[in-house]
Amino acid sequence: MIIGRRLSAMTTTATILLALIIAVPAAILVYRTHRKVGDYRLYSIADLVERATRDPEHPFGPDADRIINELSTLTRHAADDGRR
């Protein structure tokens, strides 16, 4: 019985400690991202997640290279049409 109670107490303590380790940084993140900063702009959590997970080689999204190529092609054709 003593071992079971001791194990139960350890499990409860570990669960509370783990919850605090997760909850406290999450609360700080929410507080800091939803408070007003110097320019009075609110930063949403989605903005921070997007910035943290953005691919450095494609900062404007995965289709940026394709869109740039299409726009340069369209610009080239528009410039050619204007010269004729």
N, C-alpha and C. Protein backbone atom coordinates (compact mmCIF):
# COMPACT_ATOMS: atom_id res chain seq x y z
N MET A 1 0.80 -1.20 0.00
CA MET A 1 0.00 0.00 0.00
C MET A 1 0.85 1.26 0.00
N ILE A 2 1.94 1.23 0.76
CA ILE A 2 2.78 2.42 0.86
C ILE A 2 3.41 2.73 -0.50
N ILE A 3 3.83 1.68 -1.21
CA ILE A 3 4.45 1.88 -2.52
C ILE A 3 3.44 2.47 -3.50
N GLY A 4 2.22 1.98 -3.44
CA GLY A 4 1.17 2.49 -4.33
C GLY A 4 0.86 3.95 -4.07
N ARG A 5 0.79 4.33 -2.78
CA ARG A 5 0.53 5.73 -2.44
C ARG A 5 1.69 6.62 -2.86
N ARG A 6 2.91 6.12 -2.65
CA ARG A 6 4.09 6.90 -3.01
C ARG A 6 4.16 7.08 -4.53
N LEU A 7 3.84 6.03 -5.28
CA LEU A 7 3.84 6.10 -6.73
C LEU A 7 2.75 7.06 -7.21
N SER A 8 1.59 7.01 -6.57
CA SER A 8 0.50 7.90 -6.93
C SER A 8 0.87 9.35 -6.66
N ALA A 9 1.52 9.61 -5.56
CA ALA A 9 1.96 10.97 -5.23
C ALA A 9 3.01 11.45 -6.22
N MET A 10 3.93 10.57 -6.60
CA MET A 10 4.95 10.94 -7.58
C MET A 10 4.33 11.23 -8.94
N THR A 11 3.34 10.41 -9.31
CA THR A 11 2.66 10.62 -10.58
C THR A 11 1.91 11.95 -10.57
N THR A 12 1.24 12.24 -9.49
CA THR A 12 0.52 13.51 -9.37
C THR A 12 1.49 14.69 -9.42
N THR A 13 2.59 14.59 -8.71
CA THR A 13 3.60 15.65 -8.71
C THR A 13 4.19 15.84 -10.11
N ALA A 14 4.49 14.76 -10.78
CA ALA A 14 5.05 14.84 -12.12
C ALA A 14 4.05 15.46 -13.09
N THR A 15 2.78 15.12 -12.96
CA THR A 15 1.74 15.67 -13.83
C THR A 15 1.60 17.17 -13.61
N ILE A 16 1.59 17.59 -12.36
CA ILE A 16 1.48 19.02 -12.06
C ILE A 16 2.71 19.77 -12.56
N LEU A 17 3.88 19.21 -12.36
CA LEU A 17 5.12 19.84 -12.82
C LEU A 17 5.13 19.96 -14.35
N LEU A 18 4.74 18.90 -15.02
CA LEU A 18 4.68 18.94 -16.48
C LEU A 18 3.66 19.97 -16.97
N ALA A 19 2.52 20.04 -16.31
CA ALA A 19 1.51 21.03 -16.68
C ALA A 19 2.04 22.44 -16.49
N LEU A 20 2.77 22.68 -15.42
CA LEU A 20 3.35 24.00 -15.20
C LEU A 20 4.42 24.33 -16.23
N ILE A 21 5.22 23.34 -16.59
CA ILE A 21 6.27 23.56 -17.59
C ILE A 21 5.67 23.93 -18.94
N ILE A 22 4.50 23.40 -19.24
CA ILE A 22 3.84 23.71 -20.51
C ILE A 22 2.97 24.96 -20.39
N ALA A 23 2.24 25.11 -19.30
CA ALA A 23 1.25 26.19 -19.17
C ALA A 23 1.90 27.56 -18.97
N VAL A 24 2.95 27.64 -18.19
CA VAL A 24 3.55 28.94 -17.91
C VAL A 24 4.14 29.58 -19.17
N PRO A 25 4.97 28.89 -19.95
CA PRO A 25 5.45 29.52 -21.19
C PRO A 25 4.32 29.84 -22.17
N ALA A 26 3.30 28.99 -22.22
CA ALA A 26 2.17 29.27 -23.11
C ALA A 26 1.44 30.53 -22.67
N ALA A 27 1.25 30.71 -21.37
CA ALA A 27 0.59 31.91 -20.87
C ALA A 27 1.43 33.16 -21.15
N ILE A 28 2.74 33.04 -20.99
CA ILE A 28 3.63 34.16 -21.30
C ILE A 28 3.55 34.51 -22.78
N LEU A 29 3.56 33.51 -23.63
CA LEU A 29 3.47 33.74 -25.08
C LEU A 29 2.17 34.43 -25.44
N VAL A 30 1.07 33.97 -24.90
CA VAL A 30 -0.22 34.59 -25.19
C VAL A 30 -0.24 36.03 -24.68
N TYR A 31 0.26 36.26 -23.48
CA TYR A 31 0.28 37.61 -22.93
C TYR A 31 1.12 38.54 -23.78
N ARG A 32 2.30 38.11 -24.13
CA ARG A 32 3.21 38.98 -24.90
C ARG A 32 2.73 39.21 -26.32
N THR A 33 2.04 38.26 -26.91
CA THR A 33 1.60 38.44 -28.29
C THR A 33 0.29 39.21 -28.40
N HIS A 34 -0.47 39.28 -27.32
CA HIS A 34 -1.75 39.96 -27.40
C HIS A 34 -1.78 41.28 -26.63
N ARG A 35 -0.63 41.74 -26.22
CA ARG A 35 -0.60 43.06 -25.57
C ARG A 35 -0.12 44.08 -26.58
N LYS A 36 -0.37 45.31 -26.31
CA LYS A 36 0.05 46.36 -27.24
C LYS A 36 1.55 46.60 -27.09
N VAL A 37 2.20 46.80 -28.22
CA VAL A 37 3.63 47.10 -28.22
C VAL A 37 3.81 48.54 -28.66
N GLY A 38 5.05 48.96 -28.87
CA GLY A 38 5.35 50.35 -29.17
C GLY A 38 4.52 50.99 -30.26
N ASP A 39 4.25 50.26 -31.34
CA ASP A 39 3.48 50.86 -32.42
C ASP A 39 1.99 50.51 -32.34
N TYR A 40 1.55 50.01 -31.19
CA TYR A 40 0.15 49.66 -30.95
C TYR A 40 -0.38 48.64 -31.95
N ARG A 41 0.48 47.79 -32.44
CA ARG A 41 0.05 46.72 -33.34
C ARG A 41 -0.06 45.43 -32.54
N LEU A 42 -1.17 44.75 -32.67
CA LEU A 42 -1.33 43.48 -31.98
C LEU A 42 -0.79 42.35 -32.85
N TYR A 43 0.02 41.51 -32.28
CA TYR A 43 0.55 40.36 -32.98
C TYR A 43 -0.26 39.13 -32.58
N SER A 44 -0.80 38.46 -33.55
CA SER A 44 -1.58 37.27 -33.22
C SER A 44 -0.64 36.06 -33.12
N ILE A 45 -1.12 35.04 -32.48
CA ILE A 45 -0.33 33.81 -32.37
C ILE A 45 -0.11 33.20 -33.75
N ALA A 46 -1.10 33.34 -34.63
CA ALA A 46 -0.95 32.82 -35.99
C ALA A 46 0.21 33.49 -36.72
N ASP A 47 0.40 34.81 -36.50
CA ASP A 47 1.53 35.51 -37.11
C ASP A 47 2.86 34.94 -36.61
N LEU A 48 2.95 34.70 -35.31
CA LEU A 48 4.19 34.16 -34.76
C LEU A 48 4.46 32.74 -35.24
N VAL A 49 3.42 31.94 -35.32
CA VAL A 49 3.59 30.57 -35.81
C VAL A 49 4.03 30.60 -37.26
N GLU A 50 3.43 31.48 -38.06
CA GLU A 50 3.79 31.58 -39.47
C GLU A 50 5.24 32.02 -39.62
N ARG A 51 5.66 32.99 -38.81
CA ARG A 51 7.05 33.44 -38.88
C ARG A 51 8.03 32.35 -38.44
N ALA A 52 7.65 31.59 -37.43
CA ALA A 52 8.55 30.56 -36.92
C ALA A 52 8.66 29.37 -37.86
N THR A 53 7.60 29.09 -38.62
CA THR A 53 7.61 27.91 -39.48
C THR A 53 7.88 28.24 -40.94
N ARG A 54 8.11 29.50 -41.24
CA ARG A 54 8.35 29.91 -42.63
C ARG A 54 9.67 29.35 -43.13
N ASP A 55 9.67 28.86 -44.36
CA ASP A 55 10.88 28.33 -44.99
C ASP A 55 11.78 29.51 -45.36
N PRO A 56 13.03 29.56 -44.87
CA PRO A 56 13.91 30.69 -45.17
C PRO A 56 14.20 30.87 -46.66
N GLU A 57 14.16 29.80 -47.41
CA GLU A 57 14.42 29.91 -48.85
C GLU A 57 13.21 30.43 -49.61
N HIS A 58 12.03 30.32 -49.02
CA HIS A 58 10.79 30.80 -49.65
C HIS A 58 10.02 31.65 -48.64
N PRO A 59 10.53 32.86 -48.33
CA PRO A 59 9.90 33.64 -47.27
C PRO A 59 8.49 34.12 -47.61
N PHE A 60 8.13 34.13 -48.88
CA PHE A 60 6.80 34.60 -49.26
C PHE A 60 5.86 33.47 -49.60
N GLY A 61 6.24 32.24 -49.32
CA GLY A 61 5.37 31.10 -49.57
C GLY A 61 5.98 30.16 -50.60
N PRO A 62 5.43 28.95 -50.69
CA PRO A 62 5.99 27.94 -51.59
C PRO A 62 5.80 28.26 -53.07
N ASP A 63 4.82 29.09 -53.40
CA ASP A 63 4.55 29.40 -54.81
C ASP A 63 5.20 30.69 -55.28
N ALA A 64 6.03 31.29 -54.46
CA ALA A 64 6.61 32.59 -54.79
C ALA A 64 7.43 32.53 -56.08
N ASP A 65 8.24 31.50 -56.26
CA ASP A 65 9.07 31.40 -57.47
C ASP A 65 8.21 31.28 -58.72
N ARG A 66 7.16 30.48 -58.64
CA ARG A 66 6.27 30.31 -59.79
C ARG A 66 5.56 31.63 -60.12
N ILE A 67 5.10 32.33 -59.11
CA ILE A 67 4.40 33.59 -59.33
C ILE A 67 5.34 34.64 -59.90
N ILE A 68 6.57 34.69 -59.41
CA ILE A 68 7.56 35.63 -59.93
C ILE A 68 7.82 35.36 -61.41
N ASN A 69 7.96 34.08 -61.77
CA ASN A 69 8.18 33.73 -63.18
C ASN A 69 6.99 34.12 -64.05
N GLU A 70 5.78 33.87 -63.56
CA GLU A 70 4.59 34.23 -64.34
C GLU A 70 4.49 35.74 -64.51
N LEU A 71 4.75 36.48 -63.45
CA LEU A 71 4.67 37.94 -63.55
C LEU A 71 5.75 38.51 -64.48
N SER A 72 6.94 37.94 -64.42
CA SER A 72 7.99 38.44 -65.32
C SER A 72 7.65 38.12 -66.77
N THR A 73 7.04 36.95 -67.02
CA THR A 73 6.61 36.61 -68.37
C THR A 73 5.52 37.57 -68.84
N LEU A 74 4.54 37.84 -68.00
CA LEU A 74 3.47 38.77 -68.37
C LEU A 74 4.01 40.17 -68.60
N THR A 75 4.95 40.60 -67.78
CA THR A 75 5.54 41.92 -67.94
C THR A 75 6.32 42.01 -69.24
N ARG A 76 7.03 40.94 -69.55
CA ARG A 76 7.79 40.91 -70.79
C ARG A 76 6.86 41.00 -72.00
N HIS A 77 5.76 40.25 -71.97
CA HIS A 77 4.80 40.28 -73.08
C HIS A 77 4.12 41.64 -73.18
N ALA A 78 3.81 42.24 -72.06
CA ALA A 78 3.17 43.56 -72.08
C ALA A 78 4.14 44.60 -72.64
N ALA A 79 5.41 44.49 -72.29
CA ALA A 79 6.41 45.42 -72.81
C ALA A 79 6.59 45.21 -74.31
N ASP A 80 6.58 43.97 -74.78
CA ASP A 80 6.69 43.69 -76.21
C ASP A 80 5.50 44.23 -76.98
N ASP A 81 4.29 44.09 -76.43
CA ASP A 81 3.09 44.58 -77.09
C ASP A 81 3.09 46.11 -77.17
N GLY A 82 3.64 46.75 -76.21
CA GLY A 82 3.68 48.21 -76.19
C GLY A 82 4.67 48.78 -77.18
N ARG A 83 5.67 48.03 -77.55
CA ARG A 83 6.69 48.52 -78.48
C ARG A 83 6.27 48.41 -79.93
N ARG A 84 5.32 47.55 -80.22
CA ARG A 84 4.94 47.32 -81.62
C ARG A 84 4.01 48.35 -82.15
